[in-house]
């Protein structure tokens, strides 16, 4: 209920009209899908050839373990450095 002054009255479309709209939409989608298909790879240039290369990531599990060890070193706090150059303005 309530005020219906500004409301737009829409009639129910008949079944024939709905069928035509759905068929037109289906044709548009099929046409759009056909144009998006890419062609194959072009032929290689003279002197070159195409090769199949694996580009997928793969995981190689290492079964042999290398020997691990820790080592420590320490450097002197004050290192010898060359003499500073004389200031020349």
N, C-alpha and C. Protein backbone atom coordinates (compact mmCIF):
# COMPACT_ATOMS: atom_id res chain seq x y z
N UNK A 1 0.83 -1.18 0.00
CA UNK A 1 0.00 0.00 0.00
C UNK A 1 0.87 1.23 0.00
N UNK A 2 0.30 2.34 0.09
CA UNK A 2 1.03 3.60 0.11
C UNK A 2 0.79 4.37 -1.16
N UNK A 3 1.52 5.44 -1.33
CA UNK A 3 1.37 6.33 -2.47
C UNK A 3 1.95 5.66 -3.71
N UNK A 4 1.19 5.59 -4.79
CA UNK A 4 1.64 5.01 -6.05
C UNK A 4 1.73 6.06 -7.14
N UNK A 5 1.81 7.32 -6.74
CA UNK A 5 1.81 8.42 -7.71
C UNK A 5 3.04 8.34 -8.63
N UNK A 6 4.26 8.13 -8.07
CA UNK A 6 5.48 8.15 -8.88
C UNK A 6 5.91 6.76 -9.33
N UNK A 7 5.22 5.73 -8.95
CA UNK A 7 5.65 4.39 -9.33
C UNK A 7 5.33 4.14 -10.80
N UNK A 8 6.23 3.38 -11.43
CA UNK A 8 6.03 3.05 -12.84
C UNK A 8 5.39 1.68 -12.92
N UNK A 9 4.33 1.60 -13.64
CA UNK A 9 3.63 0.34 -13.80
C UNK A 9 4.26 -0.40 -14.97
N UNK A 10 4.74 -1.62 -14.71
CA UNK A 10 5.36 -2.41 -15.75
C UNK A 10 4.49 -3.63 -16.00
N UNK A 11 4.20 -3.83 -17.25
CA UNK A 11 3.39 -5.00 -17.59
C UNK A 11 4.29 -6.21 -17.77
N UNK A 12 3.74 -7.38 -17.59
CA UNK A 12 4.49 -8.62 -17.76
C UNK A 12 4.66 -8.88 -19.25
N UNK A 13 5.92 -9.08 -19.71
CA UNK A 13 6.11 -9.38 -21.13
C UNK A 13 5.57 -10.78 -21.44
N UNK A 14 5.05 -10.93 -22.65
CA UNK A 14 4.49 -12.23 -23.01
C UNK A 14 5.61 -13.24 -23.26
N UNK A 15 5.28 -14.50 -23.24
CA UNK A 15 6.27 -15.58 -23.34
C UNK A 15 7.02 -15.54 -24.67
N UNK A 16 6.35 -15.16 -25.74
CA UNK A 16 7.01 -15.08 -27.05
C UNK A 16 8.11 -14.02 -27.06
N UNK A 17 7.83 -12.87 -26.43
CA UNK A 17 8.82 -11.79 -26.37
C UNK A 17 10.03 -12.21 -25.52
N UNK A 18 9.77 -12.88 -24.40
CA UNK A 18 10.86 -13.34 -23.53
C UNK A 18 11.72 -14.35 -24.28
N UNK A 19 11.11 -15.25 -25.03
CA UNK A 19 11.85 -16.26 -25.78
C UNK A 19 12.73 -15.59 -26.84
N UNK A 20 12.21 -14.56 -27.53
CA UNK A 20 12.99 -13.85 -28.54
C UNK A 20 14.19 -13.15 -27.91
N UNK A 21 13.99 -12.53 -26.76
CA UNK A 21 15.09 -11.84 -26.09
C UNK A 21 16.17 -12.82 -25.64
N UNK A 22 15.76 -13.96 -25.09
CA UNK A 22 16.74 -14.95 -24.66
C UNK A 22 17.53 -15.52 -25.84
N UNK A 23 16.84 -15.75 -26.94
CA UNK A 23 17.50 -16.27 -28.14
C UNK A 23 18.49 -15.24 -28.69
N UNK A 24 18.10 -13.98 -28.70
CA UNK A 24 19.00 -12.92 -29.17
C UNK A 24 20.22 -12.82 -28.25
N UNK A 25 20.01 -12.92 -26.94
CA UNK A 25 21.12 -12.86 -25.98
C UNK A 25 22.06 -14.06 -26.20
N UNK A 26 21.50 -15.23 -26.42
CA UNK A 26 22.31 -16.42 -26.66
C UNK A 26 23.15 -16.26 -27.93
N UNK A 27 22.56 -15.71 -28.99
CA UNK A 27 23.30 -15.49 -30.23
C UNK A 27 24.43 -14.49 -30.03
N UNK A 28 24.16 -13.42 -29.27
CA UNK A 28 25.21 -12.42 -28.99
C UNK A 28 26.37 -13.05 -28.23
N UNK A 29 26.07 -13.88 -27.23
CA UNK A 29 27.13 -14.53 -26.46
C UNK A 29 27.94 -15.49 -27.32
N UNK A 30 27.27 -16.24 -28.17
CA UNK A 30 27.98 -17.18 -29.05
C UNK A 30 28.89 -16.41 -30.01
N UNK A 31 28.41 -15.30 -30.56
CA UNK A 31 29.20 -14.50 -31.49
C UNK A 31 30.41 -13.90 -30.77
N UNK A 32 30.20 -13.44 -29.52
CA UNK A 32 31.31 -12.86 -28.76
C UNK A 32 32.35 -13.92 -28.43
N UNK A 33 31.91 -15.14 -28.11
CA UNK A 33 32.86 -16.21 -27.79
C UNK A 33 33.66 -16.64 -29.01
N UNK A 34 33.06 -16.58 -30.18
CA UNK A 34 33.77 -16.98 -31.39
C UNK A 34 34.86 -15.99 -31.74
N UNK A 35 34.66 -14.71 -31.49
CA UNK A 35 35.66 -13.71 -31.85
C UNK A 35 36.81 -13.68 -30.87
N UNK A 36 36.65 -14.21 -29.66
CA UNK A 36 37.72 -14.17 -28.66
C UNK A 36 38.72 -15.30 -28.82
N UNK A 37 38.44 -16.28 -29.66
CA UNK A 37 39.36 -17.40 -29.82
C UNK A 37 40.64 -16.92 -30.50
N UNK A 38 41.77 -17.33 -29.94
CA UNK A 38 43.06 -16.95 -30.49
C UNK A 38 43.50 -17.97 -31.53
N UNK A 39 44.23 -17.48 -32.48
CA UNK A 39 44.78 -18.38 -33.47
C UNK A 39 45.98 -19.11 -32.88
N UNK A 40 46.52 -20.04 -33.62
CA UNK A 40 47.68 -20.78 -33.15
C UNK A 40 48.94 -19.92 -33.19
N UNK A 41 50.03 -20.51 -32.82
CA UNK A 41 51.31 -19.82 -32.86
C UNK A 41 51.74 -19.64 -34.31
N UNK A 42 52.21 -18.46 -34.67
CA UNK A 42 52.64 -18.27 -36.05
C UNK A 42 53.88 -19.12 -36.36
N UNK A 43 54.11 -19.34 -37.61
CA UNK A 43 55.27 -20.13 -38.02
C UNK A 43 56.56 -19.41 -37.62
N UNK A 44 57.62 -20.15 -37.28
CA UNK A 44 58.88 -19.49 -36.88
C UNK A 44 59.53 -18.77 -38.05
N UNK A 45 60.33 -17.79 -37.71
CA UNK A 45 61.04 -17.03 -38.73
C UNK A 45 62.12 -17.92 -39.35
N UNK A 46 62.61 -17.56 -40.51
CA UNK A 46 63.62 -18.36 -41.19
C UNK A 46 64.86 -18.51 -40.30
N UNK A 47 65.36 -19.71 -40.18
CA UNK A 47 66.55 -19.96 -39.37
C UNK A 47 66.23 -20.30 -37.92
N UNK A 48 64.98 -20.30 -37.53
CA UNK A 48 64.59 -20.62 -36.16
C UNK A 48 63.54 -21.73 -36.17
N UNK A 49 63.35 -22.34 -35.00
CA UNK A 49 62.33 -23.38 -34.90
C UNK A 49 61.68 -23.32 -33.52
N UNK A 50 60.46 -23.79 -33.44
CA UNK A 50 59.73 -23.83 -32.17
C UNK A 50 60.14 -25.07 -31.39
N UNK A 51 60.18 -24.94 -30.06
CA UNK A 51 60.50 -26.08 -29.19
C UNK A 51 59.50 -26.13 -28.06
N UNK A 52 59.20 -27.34 -27.59
CA UNK A 52 58.34 -27.50 -26.43
C UNK A 52 59.19 -27.36 -25.18
N UNK A 53 58.80 -26.45 -24.30
CA UNK A 53 59.56 -26.19 -23.08
C UNK A 53 58.60 -26.26 -21.90
N UNK A 54 59.06 -26.88 -20.80
CA UNK A 54 58.24 -26.96 -19.60
C UNK A 54 58.34 -25.63 -18.86
N UNK A 55 57.20 -24.99 -18.66
CA UNK A 55 57.19 -23.72 -17.94
C UNK A 55 56.47 -23.84 -16.61
N UNK A 56 55.93 -25.02 -16.29
CA UNK A 56 55.25 -25.22 -15.02
C UNK A 56 56.27 -25.33 -13.90
N UNK A 57 55.89 -24.88 -12.72
CA UNK A 57 56.75 -25.02 -11.56
C UNK A 57 56.78 -26.48 -11.14
N UNK A 58 57.91 -26.92 -10.68
CA UNK A 58 57.99 -28.28 -10.18
C UNK A 58 58.86 -28.30 -8.94
N UNK A 59 58.69 -29.31 -8.10
CA UNK A 59 59.41 -29.43 -6.85
C UNK A 59 60.30 -30.66 -6.91
N UNK A 60 61.57 -30.45 -6.69
CA UNK A 60 62.52 -31.56 -6.66
C UNK A 60 62.92 -31.77 -5.21
N UNK A 61 62.57 -32.91 -4.67
CA UNK A 61 62.90 -33.20 -3.29
C UNK A 61 64.30 -33.79 -3.22
N UNK A 62 65.13 -33.21 -2.35
CA UNK A 62 66.49 -33.69 -2.19
C UNK A 62 66.51 -34.78 -1.13
N UNK A 63 67.07 -35.93 -1.48
CA UNK A 63 67.11 -37.02 -0.53
C UNK A 63 68.46 -37.10 0.17
N UNK A 64 69.51 -36.59 -0.45
CA UNK A 64 70.83 -36.60 0.17
C UNK A 64 71.03 -35.30 0.92
N UNK A 65 71.53 -35.41 2.14
CA UNK A 65 71.77 -34.21 2.94
C UNK A 65 73.27 -33.98 3.03
N UNK A 66 73.69 -32.74 2.86
CA UNK A 66 75.10 -32.40 2.98
C UNK A 66 75.46 -32.25 4.45
N UNK A 67 76.75 -32.34 4.75
CA UNK A 67 77.22 -32.19 6.12
C UNK A 67 77.16 -30.72 6.49
N UNK A 68 76.51 -30.43 7.61
CA UNK A 68 76.39 -29.04 8.06
C UNK A 68 77.24 -28.84 9.29
N UNK A 69 77.87 -27.68 9.39
CA UNK A 69 78.64 -27.34 10.59
C UNK A 69 78.61 -25.84 10.78
N UNK A 70 78.96 -25.37 11.96
CA UNK A 70 78.98 -23.95 12.27
C UNK A 70 80.41 -23.51 12.52
N UNK A 71 80.74 -22.30 12.12
CA UNK A 71 82.06 -21.73 12.36
C UNK A 71 81.86 -20.29 12.78
N UNK A 72 82.74 -19.81 13.64
CA UNK A 72 82.64 -18.43 14.13
C UNK A 72 83.93 -17.71 13.86
N UNK A 73 83.84 -16.42 13.56
CA UNK A 73 85.02 -15.57 13.37
C UNK A 73 84.78 -14.26 14.09
N UNK A 74 85.86 -13.56 14.39
CA UNK A 74 85.74 -12.27 15.04
C UNK A 74 86.78 -11.35 14.44
N UNK A 75 86.39 -10.13 14.13
CA UNK A 75 87.31 -9.16 13.58
C UNK A 75 87.71 -8.18 14.66
N UNK A 76 88.88 -7.55 14.49
CA UNK A 76 89.35 -6.55 15.46
C UNK A 76 88.43 -5.34 15.40
N UNK A 77 88.24 -4.70 16.57
CA UNK A 77 87.35 -3.55 16.63
C UNK A 77 87.94 -2.37 15.88
N UNK A 78 89.24 -2.10 16.07
CA UNK A 78 89.90 -0.99 15.39
C UNK A 78 90.76 -1.56 14.26
N UNK A 79 90.46 -1.19 13.07
CA UNK A 79 91.22 -1.65 11.91
C UNK A 79 92.18 -0.57 11.48
N UNK A 80 93.32 -0.97 10.94
CA UNK A 80 94.26 0.01 10.40
C UNK A 80 93.63 0.66 9.18
N UNK A 81 93.82 1.97 9.08
CA UNK A 81 93.29 2.67 7.91
C UNK A 81 94.34 3.62 7.38
N UNK A 82 94.26 3.99 6.13
CA UNK A 82 95.28 4.89 5.58
C UNK A 82 95.17 6.29 6.22
N UNK A 83 96.26 7.05 6.21
CA UNK A 83 96.21 8.38 6.83
C UNK A 83 95.23 9.28 6.08
N UNK A 84 94.60 10.19 6.82
CA UNK A 84 93.65 11.11 6.21
C UNK A 84 94.38 12.13 5.36
N UNK A 85 93.86 12.53 4.21
CA UNK A 85 94.53 13.53 3.37
C UNK A 85 94.48 14.91 4.03
N UNK A 86 95.44 15.74 3.66
CA UNK A 86 95.47 17.09 4.21
C UNK A 86 94.32 17.91 3.63
N UNK A 87 93.80 18.83 4.44
CA UNK A 87 92.67 19.66 3.98
C UNK A 87 93.19 20.72 3.05
N UNK A 88 92.63 20.84 1.88
CA UNK A 88 93.02 21.89 0.94
C UNK A 88 91.77 22.66 0.57
N UNK A 89 91.73 23.96 0.96
CA UNK A 89 90.54 24.75 0.64
C UNK A 89 90.42 25.16 -0.80
